[in-house]
Amino acid sequence: MGKYILVPVDFSPSSINAMEHAVLYANAIECDIRMIHVKRRNADYDPAINFNDYDEVLKSSVINNFKRIIAHFKSKMKGRIDYCVRDGRVFTEVCNQAKYGDALMIISGTNGVSGFKERWEGSNAFRIVSHATCPVITIKYNFVPQSPRRIVVPIDNTARTRLKIPIVAKIAKCFDAEMMLIDIRNDNKLSTQKKMEDAMKAVTVYLDRHNVRYCKDNLRVKKKKTATAVIDYALENDADLIAATSERLDNNWQLFSVSNPQKLVNHSPIPVITIKVA
């Protein structure tokens, strides 16, 4: 199999909806799709299955479900669809498959989490976002599949925020979408203004060179309210995708603080593409 989009599938409505979106992206990017199912010890499999024997798993209802999904989507796909089954922690197995299988991106369904669960353990979707080495698109279970027409791209005064531009620009070109560049500032200092002007200029020069459509706007928000402001802006402007950057969670202490990317993944009703930066 060549380049592909990896889709975690647990056969829930959320993961099937993610597959619908994956077909749109795969056709536009001209790549294949690989589904991955991670076995859980308490899952409702055929009781005759021996979980220690991979060959027995291939005989389970999981495989039949995969075959039904492939039959449903095959006529809609330009490329191919296949699947794999793994055993372990969901986010670990998904990220390992993406990394060592050379996936272009991961498209994952999410129901989001809130409260203590968000602050302590997060969601499987955000754990995938945090550990994956490739871009990850997270999609709420009820977001209707559609090609992105407007992509909200927050830009702040840090160098890392611009690292997502080449990847988002490629997606925008594939769908002939417009990138909505949002100047995000938490203060009105002259030094911040100068950094933002330089950052926005670098981004627009790149997009002009690659013939990508864009528009510019600005938001003045408190730092802790950035994610909420970006989501509200995307909703008000009928956007179909929000672009974010993320850093790997290196230790459990970082799980106590809910980052803006985590808030976007867990709370945005609009799909979010998160791109890993160093």
C-alpha atoms as a PDB file:
ATOM      1  CA  MET A   1       0.000   0.000   0.000  1.00  0.00           C
ATOM      2  CA  GLY A   2       1.285   3.460  -0.851  1.00  0.00           C
ATOM      3  CA  LYS A   3       0.717   6.674   1.063  1.00  0.00           C
ATOM      4  CA  TYR A   4      -2.432   6.492   3.122  1.00  0.00           C
ATOM      5  CA  ILE A   5      -4.676   8.124   5.724  1.00  0.00           C
ATOM      6  CA  LEU A   6      -4.984   6.133   8.954  1.00  0.00           C
ATOM      7  CA  VAL A   7      -8.442   5.968  10.565  1.00  0.00           C
ATOM      8  CA  PRO A   8      -8.947   4.453  14.054  1.00  0.00           C
ATOM      9  CA  VAL A   9     -12.170   2.425  13.900  1.00  0.00           C
ATOM     10  CA  ASP A  10     -14.103   0.988  16.847  1.00  0.00           C
ATOM     11  CA  PHE A  11     -17.270   0.656  14.720  1.00  0.00           C
ATOM     12  CA  SER A  12     -19.037   3.444  16.635  1.00  0.00           C
ATOM     13  CA  PRO A  13     -20.995   6.157  14.747  1.00  0.00           C
ATOM     14  CA  SER A  14     -18.121   8.534  15.535  1.00  0.00           C
ATOM     15  CA  SER A  15     -15.500   6.375  13.826  1.00  0.00           C
ATOM     16  CA  ILE A  16     -17.745   5.688  10.816  1.00  0.00           C
ATOM     17  CA  ASN A  17     -18.261   9.436  10.465  1.00  0.00           C
ATOM     18  CA  ALA A  18     -14.481   9.834  10.543  1.00  0.00           C
ATOM     19  CA  MET A  19     -14.300   7.327   7.678  1.00  0.00           C
ATOM     20  CA  GLU A  20     -16.738   9.455   5.658  1.00  0.00           C
ATOM     21  CA  HIS A  21     -14.407  12.425   6.089  1.00  0.00           C
ATOM     22  CA  ALA A  22     -11.349  10.313   5.343  1.00  0.00           C
ATOM     23  CA  VAL A  23     -12.805   9.339   1.962  1.00  0.00           C
ATOM     24  CA  LEU A  24     -13.162  13.027   1.048  1.00  0.00           C
ATOM     25  CA  TYR A  25      -9.550  13.739   2.017  1.00  0.00           C
ATOM     26  CA  ALA A  26      -8.155  10.595   0.403  1.00  0.00           C
ATOM     27  CA  ASN A  27      -9.845  11.385  -2.907  1.00  0.00           C
ATOM     28  CA  ALA A  28      -8.627  14.995  -2.861  1.00  0.00           C
ATOM     29  CA  ILE A  29      -5.072  14.110  -1.837  1.00  0.00           C
ATOM     30  CA  GLU A  30      -5.086  11.013  -4.062  1.00  0.00           C
ATOM     31  CA  CYS A  31      -4.049   8.446  -1.485  1.00  0.00           C
ATOM     32  CA  ASP A  32      -5.367   5.259   0.130  1.00  0.00           C
ATOM     33  CA  ILE A  33      -7.059   4.621   3.491  1.00  0.00           C
ATOM     34  CA  ARG A  34      -6.019   2.169   6.169  1.00  0.00           C
ATOM     35  CA  MET A  35      -8.372   1.468   9.067  1.00  0.00           C
ATOM     36  CA  ILE A  36      -6.993   0.329  12.410  1.00  0.00           C
ATOM     37  CA  HIS A  37      -8.884  -1.411  15.202  1.00  0.00           C
ATOM     38  CA  VAL A  38      -7.230  -1.757  18.599  1.00  0.00           C
ATOM     39  CA  LYS A  39      -8.565  -4.704  20.600  1.00  0.00           C
ATOM     40  CA  ARG A  40      -9.749  -4.089  24.138  1.00  0.00           C
ATOM     41  CA  ARG A  41      -9.773  -6.879  26.679  1.00  0.00           C
ATOM     42  CA  ASN A  42     -13.347  -6.123  27.732  1.00  0.00           C
ATOM     43  CA  ALA A  43     -14.702  -5.667  24.209  1.00  0.00           C
ATOM     44  CA  ASP A  44     -17.795  -7.520  23.058  1.00  0.00           C
ATOM     45  CA  TYR A  45     -16.086 -10.088  20.843  1.00  0.00           C
ATOM     46  CA  ASP A  46     -17.099 -13.667  20.143  1.00  0.00           C
ATOM     47  CA  PRO A  47     -16.437 -15.520  23.434  1.00  0.00           C
ATOM     48  CA  ALA A  48     -14.757 -18.324  21.510  1.00  0.00           C
ATOM     49  CA  ILE A  49     -11.891 -16.003  20.523  1.00  0.00           C
ATOM     50  CA  ASN A  50      -8.546 -16.489  22.222  1.00  0.00           C
ATOM     51  CA  PHE A  51      -7.133 -12.997  22.715  1.00  0.00           C
ATOM     52  CA  ASN A  52      -3.605 -14.365  22.855  1.00  0.00           C
ATOM     53  CA  ASP A  53      -3.865 -15.783  19.368  1.00  0.00           C
ATOM     54  CA  TYR A  54      -3.827 -13.204  16.580  1.00  0.00           C
ATOM     55  CA  ASP A  55      -5.015 -15.773  14.010  1.00  0.00           C
ATOM     56  CA  GLU A  56      -8.172 -16.342  16.023  1.00  0.00           C
ATOM     57  CA  VAL A  57      -8.900 -12.620  16.079  1.00  0.00           C
ATOM     58  CA  LEU A  58      -8.975 -12.642  12.287  1.00  0.00           C
ATOM     59  CA  LYS A  59     -12.024 -14.898  12.521  1.00  0.00           C
ATOM     60  CA  SER A  60     -13.923 -12.532  14.801  1.00  0.00           C
ATOM     61  CA  SER A  61     -16.765 -10.197  14.019  1.00  0.00           C
ATOM     62  CA  VAL A  62     -14.198  -7.393  13.790  1.00  0.00           C
ATOM     63  CA  ILE A  63     -13.094  -8.652  10.399  1.00  0.00           C
ATOM     64  CA  ASN A  64     -16.661  -9.010   9.170  1.00  0.00           C
ATOM     65  CA  ASN A  65     -17.347  -5.432  10.255  1.00  0.00           C
ATOM     66  CA  PHE A  66     -14.294  -4.249   8.342  1.00  0.00           C
ATOM     67  CA  LYS A  67     -15.453  -6.089   5.233  1.00  0.00           C
ATOM     68  CA  ARG A  68     -18.861  -4.384   5.450  1.00  0.00           C
ATOM     69  CA  ILE A  69     -17.229  -0.968   5.785  1.00  0.00           C
ATOM     70  CA  ILE A  70     -14.983  -1.608   2.785  1.00  0.00           C
ATOM     71  CA  ALA A  71     -17.967  -2.765   0.718  1.00  0.00           C
ATOM     72  CA  HIS A  72     -19.832   0.421   1.666  1.00  0.00           C
ATOM     73  CA  PHE A  73     -17.015   2.848   0.832  1.00  0.00           C
ATOM     74  CA  LYS A  74     -15.277   1.057  -2.041  1.00  0.00           C
ATOM     75  CA  SER A  75     -17.369   2.669  -4.786  1.00  0.00           C
ATOM     76  CA  LYS A  76     -16.737   6.139  -3.314  1.00  0.00           C
ATOM     77  CA  MET A  77     -12.947   5.754  -3.226  1.00  0.00           C
ATOM     78  CA  LYS A  78     -10.428   6.501  -5.956  1.00  0.00           C
ATOM     79  CA  GLY A  79      -7.749   4.593  -4.049  1.00  0.00           C
ATOM     80  CA  ARG A  80      -7.762   1.469  -1.922  1.00  0.00           C
ATOM     81  CA  ILE A  81      -9.002   0.659   1.584  1.00  0.00           C
ATOM     82  CA  ASP A  82      -7.520  -1.951   3.879  1.00  0.00           C
ATOM     83  CA  TYR A  83      -7.332  -2.585   7.613  1.00  0.00           C
ATOM     84  CA  CYS A  84      -5.191  -3.868  10.452  1.00  0.00           C
ATOM     85  CA  VAL A  85      -5.903  -5.116  13.981  1.00  0.00           C
ATOM     86  CA  ARG A  86      -3.679  -4.362  16.964  1.00  0.00           C
ATOM     87  CA  ASP A  87      -3.718  -5.213  20.659  1.00  0.00           C
ATOM     88  CA  GLY A  88      -2.793  -2.654  23.318  1.00  0.00           C
ATOM     89  CA  ARG A  89      -3.443   0.938  24.288  1.00  0.00           C
ATOM     90  CA  VAL A  90      -5.435   2.730  21.626  1.00  0.00           C
ATOM     91  CA  PHE A  91      -3.313   5.861  21.234  1.00  0.00           C
ATOM     92  CA  THR A  92      -0.023   3.921  21.384  1.00  0.00           C
ATOM     93  CA  GLU A  93      -0.992   1.428  18.699  1.00  0.00           C
ATOM     94  CA  VAL A  94      -2.523   4.086  16.437  1.00  0.00           C
ATOM     95  CA  CYS A  95       0.554   6.317  16.699  1.00  0.00           C
ATOM     96  CA  ASN A  96       2.957   3.417  16.143  1.00  0.00           C
ATOM     97  CA  GLN A  97       1.047   2.301  13.048  1.00  0.00           C
ATOM     98  CA  ALA A  98       1.097   5.850  11.687  1.00  0.00           C
ATOM     99  CA  LYS A  99       4.803   6.317  12.403  1.00  0.00           C
ATOM    100  CA  TYR A 100       6.192   2.983  11.253  1.00  0.00           C
ATOM    101  CA  GLY A 101       3.612   2.566   8.492  1.00  0.00           C
ATOM    102  CA  ASP A 102       4.442   6.007   7.056  1.00  0.00           C
ATOM    103  CA  ALA A 103       0.899   7.414   7.204  1.00  0.00           C
ATOM    104  CA  LEU A 104       0.249  10.840   5.696  1.00  0.00           C
ATOM    105  CA  MET A 105      -2.162  11.766   8.475  1.00  0.00           C
ATOM    106  CA  ILE A 106      -4.605  10.352  11.001  1.00  0.00           C
ATOM    107  CA  ILE A 107      -8.325  11.154  10.913  1.00  0.00           C
ATOM    108  CA  SER A 108     -10.001  10.314  14.194  1.00  0.00           C
ATOM    109  CA  GLY A 109     -13.519  10.670  15.517  1.00  0.00           C
ATOM    110  CA  THR A 110     -13.971  12.160  18.967  1.00  0.00           C
ATOM    111  CA  ASN A 111     -16.772  12.734  21.431  1.00  0.00           C
ATOM    112  CA  GLY A 112     -14.654  15.109  23.528  1.00  0.00           C
ATOM    113  CA  VAL A 113     -14.263  15.195  27.293  1.00  0.00           C
ATOM    114  CA  SER A 114     -14.648  17.839  29.964  1.00  0.00           C
ATOM    115  CA  GLY A 115     -14.089  18.580  33.633  1.00  0.00           C
ATOM    116  CA  PHE A 116     -11.686  16.451  35.696  1.00  0.00           C
ATOM    117  CA  LYS A 117     -11.389  13.803  32.993  1.00  0.00           C
ATOM    118  CA  GLU A 118     -10.102  16.445  30.572  1.00  0.00           C
ATOM    119  CA  ARG A 119      -7.580  17.837  33.064  1.00  0.00           C
ATOM    120  CA  TRP A 120      -6.225  14.475  34.201  1.00  0.00           C
ATOM    121  CA  GLU A 121      -6.429  11.887  31.428  1.00  0.00           C
ATOM    122  CA  GLY A 122      -7.659  13.757  28.359  1.00  0.00           C
ATOM    123  CA  SER A 123      -9.316  11.816  25.544  1.00  0.00           C
ATOM    124  CA  ASN A 124      -7.953   9.092  23.300  1.00  0.00           C
ATOM    125  CA  ALA A 125      -8.234  11.583  20.459  1.00  0.00           C
ATOM    126  CA  PHE A 126      -6.037  14.141  22.186  1.00  0.00           C
ATOM    127  CA  ARG A 127      -3.556  11.492  23.275  1.00  0.00           C
ATOM    128  CA  ILE A 128      -3.236  10.538  19.613  1.00  0.00           C
ATOM    129  CA  VAL A 129      -2.790  14.218  18.748  1.00  0.00           C
ATOM    130  CA  SER A 130      -0.105  14.597  21.437  1.00  0.00           C
ATOM    131  CA  HIS A 131       1.949  11.553  20.473  1.00  0.00           C
ATOM    132  CA  ALA A 132       1.490  11.224  16.696  1.00  0.00           C
ATOM    133  CA  THR A 133       4.353  12.349  14.488  1.00  0.00           C
ATOM    134  CA  CYS A 134       2.044  13.110  11.555  1.00  0.00           C
ATOM    135  CA  PRO A 135      -0.866  15.602  11.300  1.00  0.00           C
ATOM    136  CA  VAL A 136      -4.083  14.538  13.015  1.00  0.00           C
ATOM    137  CA  ILE A 137      -7.609  15.633  12.107  1.00  0.00           C
ATOM    138  CA  THR A 138     -10.128  15.160  14.913  1.00  0.00           C
ATOM    139  CA  ILE A 139     -13.831  15.221  14.051  1.00  0.00           C
ATOM    140  CA  LYS A 140     -16.878  15.330  16.293  1.00  0.00           C
ATOM    141  CA  TYR A 141     -19.316  12.481  15.726  1.00  0.00           C
ATOM    142  CA  ASN A 142     -22.105  14.782  14.461  1.00  0.00           C
ATOM    143  CA  PHE A 143     -20.128  16.957  12.025  1.00  0.00           C
ATOM    144  CA  VAL A 144     -21.577  16.323   8.565  1.00  0.00           C
ATOM    145  CA  PRO A 145     -18.917  15.209   6.033  1.00  0.00           C
ATOM    146  CA  GLN A 146     -18.070  17.973   3.585  1.00  0.00           C
ATOM    147  CA  SER A 147     -15.036  19.244   1.733  1.00  0.00           C
ATOM    148  CA  PRO A 148     -13.396  22.120   3.630  1.00  0.00           C
ATOM    149  CA  ARG A 149     -14.059  25.506   2.039  1.00  0.00           C
ATOM    150  CA  ARG A 150     -12.730  27.780   4.787  1.00  0.00           C
ATOM    151  CA  ILE A 151      -9.832  26.887   7.088  1.00  0.00           C
ATOM    152  CA  VAL A 152      -9.225  29.028  10.168  1.00  0.00           C
ATOM    153  CA  VAL A 153      -5.479  29.391  10.763  1.00  0.00           C
ATOM    154  CA  PRO A 154      -4.533  31.207  13.999  1.00  0.00           C
ATOM    155  CA  ILE A 155      -1.179  32.997  13.792  1.00  0.00           C
ATOM    156  CA  ASP A 156       0.636  34.247  16.894  1.00  0.00           C
ATOM    157  CA  ASN A 157       4.063  35.820  17.344  1.00  0.00           C
ATOM    158  CA  THR A 158       5.957  32.552  17.888  1.00  0.00           C
ATOM    159  CA  ALA A 159       7.996  30.925  15.147  1.00  0.00           C
ATOM    160  CA  ARG A 160       6.429  27.496  15.692  1.00  0.00           C
ATOM    161  CA  THR A 161       2.934  28.674  14.786  1.00  0.00           C
ATOM    162  CA  ARG A 162       4.064  29.172  11.177  1.00  0.00           C
ATOM    163  CA  LEU A 163       5.369  25.604  10.851  1.00  0.00           C
ATOM    164  CA  LYS A 164       1.852  24.390  10.157  1.00  0.00           C
ATOM    165  CA  ILE A 165       1.427  26.619   7.089  1.00  0.00           C
ATOM    166  CA  PRO A 166       2.944  24.322   4.382  1.00  0.00           C
ATOM    167  CA  ILE A 167       0.769  21.364   5.407  1.00  0.00           C
ATOM    168  CA  VAL A 168      -2.416  23.418   5.720  1.00  0.00           C
ATOM    169  CA  ALA A 169      -1.653  25.125   2.407  1.00  0.00           C
ATOM    170  CA  LYS A 170      -1.414  21.746   0.631  1.00  0.00           C
ATOM    171  CA  ILE A 171      -4.817  20.747   1.991  1.00  0.00           C
ATOM    172  CA  ALA A 172      -6.291  24.101   0.996  1.00  0.00           C
ATOM    173  CA  LYS A 173      -4.997  23.670  -2.559  1.00  0.00           C
ATOM    174  CA  CYS A 174      -6.397  20.150  -2.827  1.00  0.00           C
ATOM    175  CA  PHE A 175      -9.873  21.426  -1.937  1.00  0.00           C
ATOM    176  CA  ASP A 176      -9.507  24.944  -3.393  1.00  0.00           C
ATOM    177  CA  ALA A 177     -10.290  26.183   0.126  1.00  0.00           C
ATOM    178  CA  GLU A 178      -9.624  29.625   1.544  1.00  0.00           C
ATOM    179  CA  MET A 179      -7.218  29.979   4.472  1.00  0.00           C
ATOM    180  CA  MET A 180      -8.519  32.475   7.031  1.00  0.00           C
ATOM    181  CA  LEU A 181      -5.373  33.859   8.689  1.00  0.00           C
ATOM    182  CA  ILE A 182      -6.169  35.151  12.164  1.00  0.00           C
ATOM    183  CA  ASP A 183      -3.742  37.524  13.889  1.00  0.00           C
ATOM    184  CA  ILE A 184      -3.942  36.368  17.536  1.00  0.00           C
ATOM    185  CA  ARG A 185      -2.649  38.842  20.135  1.00  0.00           C
ATOM    186  CA  ASN A 186      -2.856  38.803  23.909  1.00  0.00           C
ATOM    187  CA  ASP A 187      -1.553  42.372  24.326  1.00  0.00           C
ATOM    188  CA  ASN A 188      -1.163  45.661  22.440  1.00  0.00           C
ATOM    189  CA  LYS A 189       2.585  46.134  22.871  1.00  0.00           C
ATOM    190  CA  LEU A 190       4.479  47.651  19.947  1.00  0.00           C
ATOM    191  CA  SER A 191       6.965  44.776  20.089  1.00  0.00           C
ATOM    192  CA  THR A 192       4.111  42.291  19.699  1.00  0.00           C
ATOM    193  CA  GLN A 193       2.669  44.284  16.814  1.00  0.00           C
ATOM    194  CA  LYS A 194       6.009  44.231  14.976  1.00  0.00           C
ATOM    195  CA  LYS A 195       6.441  40.468  15.491  1.00  0.00           C
ATOM    196  CA  MET A 196       2.912  39.840  14.254  1.00  0.00           C
ATOM    197  CA  GLU A 197       3.393  41.965  11.153  1.00  0.00           C
ATOM    198  CA  ASP A 198       6.583  40.064  10.320  1.00  0.00           C
ATOM    199  CA  ALA A 199       4.890  36.711  10.960  1.00  0.00           C
ATOM    200  CA  MET A 200       1.877  37.536   8.824  1.00  0.00           C
ATOM    201  CA  LYS A 201       4.071  38.825   6.011  1.00  0.00           C
ATOM    202  CA  ALA A 202       6.106  35.605   5.977  1.00  0.00           C
ATOM    203  CA  VAL A 203       2.907  33.547   5.806  1.00  0.00           C
ATOM    204  CA  THR A 204       1.286  35.569   3.028  1.00  0.00           C
ATOM    205  CA  VAL A 205       4.474  35.568   0.934  1.00  0.00           C
ATOM    206  CA  TYR A 206       4.495  31.773   1.139  1.00  0.00           C
ATOM    207  CA  LEU A 207       0.814  31.490   0.201  1.00  0.00           C
ATOM    208  CA  ASP A 208       1.178  33.920  -2.692  1.00  0.00           C
ATOM    209  CA  ARG A 209       4.101  31.916  -4.007  1.00  0.00           C
ATOM    210  CA  HIS A 210       2.029  28.729  -3.911  1.00  0.00           C
ATOM    211  CA  ASN A 211      -1.180  30.303  -5.256  1.00  0.00           C
ATOM    212  CA  VAL A 212      -3.262  29.572  -2.173  1.00  0.00           C
ATOM    213  CA  ARG A 213      -6.341  31.705  -1.491  1.00  0.00           C
ATOM    214  CA  TYR A 214      -6.457  33.497   1.855  1.00  0.00           C
ATOM    215  CA  CYS A 215      -7.941  36.380   3.796  1.00  0.00           C
ATOM    216  CA  LYS A 216      -6.716  38.130   6.964  1.00  0.00           C
ATOM    217  CA  ASP A 217      -8.388  39.128  10.211  1.00  0.00           C
ATOM    218  CA  ASN A 218      -7.432  39.665  13.856  1.00  0.00           C
ATOM    219  CA  LEU A 219      -8.528  38.685  17.347  1.00  0.00           C
ATOM    220  CA  ARG A 220      -7.605  40.338  20.630  1.00  0.00           C
ATOM    221  CA  VAL A 221      -8.094  37.794  23.402  1.00  0.00           C
ATOM    222  CA  LYS A 222      -6.886  36.856  26.857  1.00  0.00           C
ATOM    223  CA  LYS A 223      -4.385  34.007  26.677  1.00  0.00           C
ATOM    224  CA  LYS A 224      -6.576  31.530  28.577  1.00  0.00           C
ATOM    225  CA  LYS A 225      -9.505  32.318  26.261  1.00  0.00           C
ATOM    226  CA  THR A 226      -7.674  31.784  22.970  1.00  0.00           C
ATOM    227  CA  ALA A 227      -9.191  28.388  22.145  1.00  0.00           C
ATOM    228  CA  THR A 228     -12.734  29.562  22.883  1.00  0.00           C
ATOM    229  CA  ALA A 229     -12.238  32.724  20.795  1.00  0.00           C
ATOM    230  CA  VAL A 230     -10.907  30.703  17.830  1.00  0.00           C
ATOM    231  CA  ILE A 231     -13.836  28.269  17.994  1.00  0.00           C
ATOM    232  CA  ASP A 232     -16.344  31.142  18.171  1.00  0.00           C
ATOM    233  CA  TYR A 233     -14.661  32.857  15.211  1.00  0.00           C
ATOM    234  CA  ALA A 234     -14.757  29.651  13.152  1.00  0.00           C
ATOM    235  CA  LEU A 235     -18.455  29.165  13.901  1.00  0.00           C
ATOM    236  CA  GLU A 236     -19.336  32.789  13.109  1.00  0.00           C
ATOM    237  CA  ASN A 237     -17.503  32.597   9.793  1.00  0.00           C
ATOM    238  CA  ASP A 238     -18.870  29.216   8.683  1.00  0.00           C
ATOM    239  CA  ALA A 239     -15.436  27.551   8.691  1.00  0.00           C
ATOM    240  CA  ASP A 240     -15.020  23.819   8.060  1.00  0.00           C
ATOM    241  CA  LEU A 241     -11.593  23.249   9.617  1.00  0.00           C
ATOM    242  CA  ILE A 242      -9.356  24.805  12.296  1.00  0.00           C
ATOM    243  CA  ALA A 243      -5.555  24.457  12.139  1.00  0.00           C
ATOM    244  CA  ALA A 244      -3.526  24.134  15.338  1.00  0.00           C
ATOM    245  CA  THR A 245      -0.039  23.148  16.482  1.00  0.00           C
ATOM    246  CA  SER A 246       0.823  20.832  19.349  1.00  0.00           C
ATOM    247  CA  GLU A 247       3.817  19.670  21.322  1.00  0.00           C
ATOM    248  CA  ARG A 248       4.287  16.149  22.684  1.00  0.00           C
ATOM    249  CA  LEU A 249       3.229  15.536  26.273  1.00  0.00           C
ATOM    250  CA  ASP A 250       6.504  14.344  27.801  1.00  0.00           C
ATOM    251  CA  ASN A 251       5.305  13.678  31.330  1.00  0.00           C
ATOM    252  CA  ASN A 252       2.147  13.313  33.382  1.00  0.00           C
ATOM    253  CA  TRP A 253       2.563  16.675  35.077  1.00  0.00           C
ATOM    254  CA  GLN A 254       1.731  18.383  31.811  1.00  0.00           C
ATOM    255  CA  LEU A 255      -1.629  16.603  31.825  1.00  0.00           C
ATOM    256  CA  PHE A 256      -2.744  18.823  34.704  1.00  0.00           C
ATOM    257  CA  SER A 257      -2.774  21.904  32.487  1.00  0.00           C
ATOM    258  CA  VAL A 258      -5.293  21.994  29.645  1.00  0.00           C
ATOM    259  CA  SER A 259      -3.544  23.486  26.622  1.00  0.00           C
ATOM    260  CA  ASN A 260      -5.213  25.455  23.852  1.00  0.00           C
ATOM    261  CA  PRO A 261      -4.755  22.555  21.366  1.00  0.00           C
ATOM    262  CA  GLN A 262      -6.388  20.217  23.876  1.00  0.00           C
ATOM    263  CA  LYS A 263      -9.309  22.590  24.339  1.00  0.00           C
ATOM    264  CA  LEU A 264      -9.728  22.799  20.572  1.00  0.00           C
ATOM    265  CA  VAL A 265      -9.700  19.015  20.145  1.00  0.00           C
ATOM    266  CA  ASN A 266     -12.052  18.377  23.039  1.00  0.00           C
ATOM    267  CA  HIS A 267     -14.507  21.227  22.542  1.00  0.00           C
ATOM    268  CA  SER A 268     -14.551  22.372  18.922  1.00  0.00           C
ATOM    269  CA  PRO A 269     -17.677  21.266  17.024  1.00  0.00           C
ATOM    270  CA  ILE A 270     -15.655  21.954  13.870  1.00  0.00           C
ATOM    271  CA  PRO A 271     -12.891  19.529  12.779  1.00  0.00           C
ATOM    272  CA  VAL A 272      -9.393  20.433  13.967  1.00  0.00           C
ATOM    273  CA  ILE A 273      -6.150  19.561  12.191  1.00  0.00           C
ATOM    274  CA  THR A 274      -3.275  19.492  14.650  1.00  0.00           C
ATOM    275  CA  ILE A 275       0.291  19.560  13.384  1.00  0.00           C
ATOM    276  CA  LYS A 276       3.219  18.527  15.588  1.00  0.00           C
ATOM    277  CA  VAL A 277       6.067  21.008  15.993  1.00  0.00           C
ATOM    278  CA  ALA A 278       9.387  20.626  17.794  1.00  0.00           C
END
